[in-house]
Amino acid sequence: MEKSSYKTTLKKSAFKELESVPRAYIKNIIRTIEELSEEPRPRGCEKLIGKELYRVRIGKYRVIYSIDDENQIIGIIKIGHRKDIYR
């Protein structure tokens, strides 16, 4: 069975949050987001309790996203530091 890739969308607010991330992390975050299109539930991702959202860690930063398997779309909801992301 051939894996088909998902389309990744970024909310405007998530894009703004990405711009405020220190440069040292941006490349890793972008690479991780690109990898989500091939594997939406990578090793280490966690489903958030009580929500249909997932999170993946990149150092001290987190990417919160939704997965629409039917339409094969990954929606990046939030990007931020671990101390702020769940507020």
N, C-alpha and C. Protein backbone atom coordinates (compact mmCIF):
# COMPACT_ATOMS: atom_id res chain seq x y z
N MET A 1 0.84 -1.19 0.00
CA MET A 1 0.00 0.00 0.00
C MET A 1 0.88 1.24 0.00
N GLU A 2 0.65 2.10 -0.94
CA GLU A 2 1.45 3.32 -1.05
C GLU A 2 0.87 4.39 -0.14
N LYS A 3 1.77 5.05 0.59
CA LYS A 3 1.33 6.14 1.46
C LYS A 3 1.11 7.39 0.63
N SER A 4 -0.04 8.00 0.83
CA SER A 4 -0.26 9.27 0.15
C SER A 4 0.02 10.39 1.14
N SER A 5 0.48 11.50 0.63
CA SER A 5 0.84 12.56 1.55
C SER A 5 -0.35 13.47 1.83
N TYR A 6 -0.32 14.04 3.01
CA TYR A 6 -1.36 14.94 3.46
C TYR A 6 -0.99 16.37 3.07
N LYS A 7 -2.00 17.20 2.91
CA LYS A 7 -1.78 18.63 2.66
C LYS A 7 -1.68 19.31 4.03
N THR A 8 -0.73 20.19 4.19
CA THR A 8 -0.55 20.88 5.45
C THR A 8 -1.01 22.33 5.33
N THR A 9 -1.86 22.75 6.27
CA THR A 9 -2.31 24.14 6.30
C THR A 9 -1.86 24.75 7.62
N LEU A 10 -1.56 26.03 7.58
CA LEU A 10 -1.08 26.75 8.75
C LEU A 10 -2.04 27.90 9.04
N LYS A 11 -2.61 27.92 10.24
CA LYS A 11 -3.47 29.05 10.60
C LYS A 11 -2.63 30.32 10.62
N LYS A 12 -3.25 31.47 10.33
CA LYS A 12 -2.53 32.75 10.35
C LYS A 12 -1.87 32.97 11.71
N SER A 13 -2.59 32.65 12.78
CA SER A 13 -2.05 32.85 14.12
C SER A 13 -0.83 31.95 14.36
N ALA A 14 -0.87 30.73 13.83
CA ALA A 14 0.27 29.81 13.98
C ALA A 14 1.48 30.35 13.21
N PHE A 15 1.22 30.94 12.04
CA PHE A 15 2.32 31.52 11.26
C PHE A 15 2.97 32.66 12.04
N LYS A 16 2.16 33.50 12.68
CA LYS A 16 2.69 34.60 13.49
C LYS A 16 3.49 34.06 14.67
N GLU A 17 2.98 32.98 15.29
CA GLU A 17 3.69 32.36 16.42
C GLU A 17 5.04 31.82 15.96
N LEU A 18 5.07 31.24 14.76
CA LEU A 18 6.32 30.71 14.21
C LEU A 18 7.34 31.83 14.02
N GLU A 19 6.88 33.00 13.59
CA GLU A 19 7.79 34.13 13.39
C GLU A 19 8.43 34.59 14.70
N SER A 20 7.76 34.34 15.83
CA SER A 20 8.30 34.79 17.12
C SER A 20 9.22 33.75 17.79
N VAL A 21 9.35 32.57 17.17
CA VAL A 21 10.21 31.52 17.71
C VAL A 21 11.67 31.88 17.41
N PRO A 22 12.59 31.62 18.36
CA PRO A 22 14.01 31.89 18.09
C PRO A 22 14.51 31.14 16.85
N ARG A 23 15.39 31.79 16.12
CA ARG A 23 15.90 31.23 14.86
C ARG A 23 16.44 29.81 14.99
N ALA A 24 17.06 29.51 16.13
CA ALA A 24 17.67 28.19 16.32
C ALA A 24 16.65 27.06 16.19
N TYR A 25 15.39 27.34 16.47
CA TYR A 25 14.36 26.30 16.43
C TYR A 25 13.55 26.27 15.15
N ILE A 26 13.53 27.38 14.42
CA ILE A 26 12.65 27.50 13.25
C ILE A 26 12.89 26.40 12.21
N LYS A 27 14.13 26.13 11.88
CA LYS A 27 14.44 25.12 10.86
C LYS A 27 13.90 23.75 11.27
N ASN A 28 14.09 23.38 12.55
CA ASN A 28 13.60 22.09 13.04
C ASN A 28 12.08 22.03 13.04
N ILE A 29 11.44 23.14 13.40
CA ILE A 29 9.97 23.17 13.43
C ILE A 29 9.42 23.02 12.01
N ILE A 30 9.99 23.74 11.06
CA ILE A 30 9.54 23.65 9.67
C ILE A 30 9.75 22.24 9.12
N ARG A 31 10.90 21.64 9.43
CA ARG A 31 11.18 20.27 8.97
C ARG A 31 10.16 19.29 9.57
N THR A 32 9.86 19.45 10.84
CA THR A 32 8.89 18.58 11.51
C THR A 32 7.52 18.72 10.88
N ILE A 33 7.10 19.96 10.59
CA ILE A 33 5.80 20.19 9.95
C ILE A 33 5.76 19.52 8.58
N GLU A 34 6.85 19.63 7.82
CA GLU A 34 6.91 18.99 6.50
C GLU A 34 6.82 17.47 6.63
N GLU A 35 7.47 16.92 7.66
CA GLU A 35 7.43 15.47 7.87
C GLU A 35 6.03 14.98 8.26
N LEU A 36 5.24 15.85 8.89
CA LEU A 36 3.87 15.47 9.26
C LEU A 36 3.02 15.15 8.03
N SER A 37 3.33 15.77 6.89
CA SER A 37 2.55 15.50 5.68
C SER A 37 2.76 14.06 5.20
N GLU A 38 3.90 13.46 5.53
CA GLU A 38 4.15 12.07 5.17
C GLU A 38 3.69 11.10 6.26
N GLU A 39 3.86 11.50 7.52
CA GLU A 39 3.49 10.66 8.66
C GLU A 39 2.78 11.54 9.69
N PRO A 40 1.44 11.63 9.62
CA PRO A 40 0.70 12.54 10.50
C PRO A 40 0.74 12.16 11.98
N ARG A 41 1.05 10.91 12.27
CA ARG A 41 1.15 10.48 13.67
C ARG A 41 2.53 9.87 13.91
N PRO A 42 3.56 10.72 13.90
CA PRO A 42 4.92 10.20 14.05
C PRO A 42 5.16 9.67 15.47
N ARG A 43 6.22 8.94 15.62
CA ARG A 43 6.59 8.44 16.93
C ARG A 43 6.82 9.64 17.86
N GLY A 44 6.25 9.59 19.04
CA GLY A 44 6.42 10.68 19.98
C GLY A 44 5.30 11.70 19.96
N CYS A 45 4.40 11.62 18.98
CA CYS A 45 3.28 12.56 18.98
C CYS A 45 2.26 12.07 20.00
N GLU A 46 1.49 12.99 20.55
CA GLU A 46 0.48 12.61 21.53
C GLU A 46 -0.84 13.27 21.19
N LYS A 47 -1.92 12.51 21.40
CA LYS A 47 -3.26 13.06 21.24
C LYS A 47 -3.57 13.83 22.51
N LEU A 48 -4.11 15.03 22.36
CA LEU A 48 -4.43 15.84 23.53
C LEU A 48 -5.74 15.34 24.14
N ILE A 49 -5.79 15.30 25.45
CA ILE A 49 -6.95 14.80 26.17
C ILE A 49 -8.15 15.73 25.96
N GLY A 50 -9.27 15.14 25.60
CA GLY A 50 -10.51 15.90 25.47
C GLY A 50 -10.64 16.70 24.18
N LYS A 51 -9.68 16.58 23.28
CA LYS A 51 -9.72 17.33 22.03
C LYS A 51 -9.29 16.42 20.89
N GLU A 52 -9.71 16.75 19.70
CA GLU A 52 -9.25 16.00 18.53
C GLU A 52 -8.00 16.66 17.96
N LEU A 53 -7.04 16.91 18.82
CA LEU A 53 -5.79 17.56 18.43
C LEU A 53 -4.62 16.69 18.86
N TYR A 54 -3.51 16.90 18.19
CA TYR A 54 -2.27 16.19 18.49
C TYR A 54 -1.18 17.21 18.74
N ARG A 55 -0.12 16.76 19.42
CA ARG A 55 1.02 17.64 19.61
C ARG A 55 2.30 16.86 19.36
N VAL A 56 3.27 17.58 18.85
CA VAL A 56 4.59 17.01 18.63
C VAL A 56 5.60 17.96 19.25
N ARG A 57 6.66 17.40 19.84
CA ARG A 57 7.69 18.20 20.51
C ARG A 57 8.85 18.50 19.58
N ILE A 58 9.36 19.70 19.68
CA ILE A 58 10.60 20.09 19.02
C ILE A 58 11.38 20.86 20.06
N GLY A 59 12.24 20.18 20.81
CA GLY A 59 12.97 20.83 21.90
C GLY A 59 12.00 21.39 22.93
N LYS A 60 12.13 22.67 23.22
CA LYS A 60 11.24 23.33 24.19
C LYS A 60 9.94 23.79 23.56
N TYR A 61 9.79 23.57 22.26
CA TYR A 61 8.62 24.06 21.54
C TYR A 61 7.67 22.92 21.19
N ARG A 62 6.40 23.28 20.99
CA ARG A 62 5.37 22.32 20.65
C ARG A 62 4.60 22.81 19.43
N VAL A 63 4.18 21.86 18.63
CA VAL A 63 3.30 22.15 17.50
C VAL A 63 2.00 21.40 17.77
N ILE A 64 0.90 22.13 17.84
CA ILE A 64 -0.43 21.55 18.05
C ILE A 64 -1.12 21.51 16.69
N TYR A 65 -1.67 20.35 16.33
CA TYR A 65 -2.27 20.23 15.01
C TYR A 65 -3.46 19.28 15.01
N SER A 66 -4.28 19.41 13.98
CA SER A 66 -5.43 18.51 13.78
C SER A 66 -5.15 17.66 12.55
N ILE A 67 -5.79 16.49 12.53
CA ILE A 67 -5.64 15.59 11.38
C ILE A 67 -7.03 15.29 10.83
N ASP A 68 -7.21 15.56 9.55
CA ASP A 68 -8.45 15.20 8.85
C ASP A 68 -8.09 14.08 7.88
N ASP A 69 -8.27 12.82 8.35
CA ASP A 69 -7.88 11.67 7.53
C ASP A 69 -8.71 11.54 6.26
N GLU A 70 -9.98 11.90 6.34
CA GLU A 70 -10.87 11.76 5.18
C GLU A 70 -10.41 12.62 4.01
N ASN A 71 -10.08 13.89 4.31
CA ASN A 71 -9.64 14.81 3.26
C ASN A 71 -8.12 14.92 3.17
N GLN A 72 -7.42 14.19 4.02
CA GLN A 72 -5.96 14.18 4.08
C GLN A 72 -5.38 15.58 4.25
N ILE A 73 -5.84 16.24 5.31
CA ILE A 73 -5.35 17.59 5.62
C ILE A 73 -4.86 17.64 7.05
N ILE A 74 -3.71 18.24 7.24
CA ILE A 74 -3.18 18.50 8.57
C ILE A 74 -3.25 20.00 8.78
N GLY A 75 -3.91 20.40 9.86
CA GLY A 75 -4.05 21.82 10.17
C GLY A 75 -3.19 22.19 11.36
N ILE A 76 -2.19 23.03 11.14
CA ILE A 76 -1.33 23.48 12.23
C ILE A 76 -2.10 24.57 12.97
N ILE A 77 -2.39 24.33 14.25
CA ILE A 77 -3.22 25.23 15.04
C ILE A 77 -2.37 26.22 15.83
N LYS A 78 -1.37 25.71 16.54
CA LYS A 78 -0.54 26.56 17.41
C LYS A 78 0.91 26.09 17.37
N ILE A 79 1.81 27.05 17.52
CA ILE A 79 3.24 26.78 17.65
C ILE A 79 3.73 27.65 18.79
N GLY A 80 4.38 27.04 19.77
CA GLY A 80 4.85 27.87 20.87
C GLY A 80 5.69 27.14 21.88
N HIS A 81 6.21 27.90 22.83
CA HIS A 81 7.02 27.36 23.90
C HIS A 81 6.16 26.51 24.80
N ARG A 82 6.75 25.47 25.37
CA ARG A 82 5.98 24.52 26.17
C ARG A 82 5.28 25.16 27.36
N LYS A 83 5.84 26.25 27.90
CA LYS A 83 5.20 26.86 29.07
C LYS A 83 3.96 27.68 28.70
N ASP A 84 3.83 28.05 27.43
CA ASP A 84 2.71 28.90 26.99
C ASP A 84 1.69 28.18 26.13
N ILE A 85 2.06 27.08 25.53
CA ILE A 85 1.27 26.49 24.44
C ILE A 85 -0.11 25.99 24.87
N TYR A 86 -0.27 25.52 26.09
CA TYR A 86 -1.54 24.91 26.49
C TYR A 86 -2.51 25.91 27.13
N ARG A 87 -2.14 27.17 27.19
CA ARG A 87 -3.00 28.18 27.82
C ARG A 87 -4.09 28.65 26.88
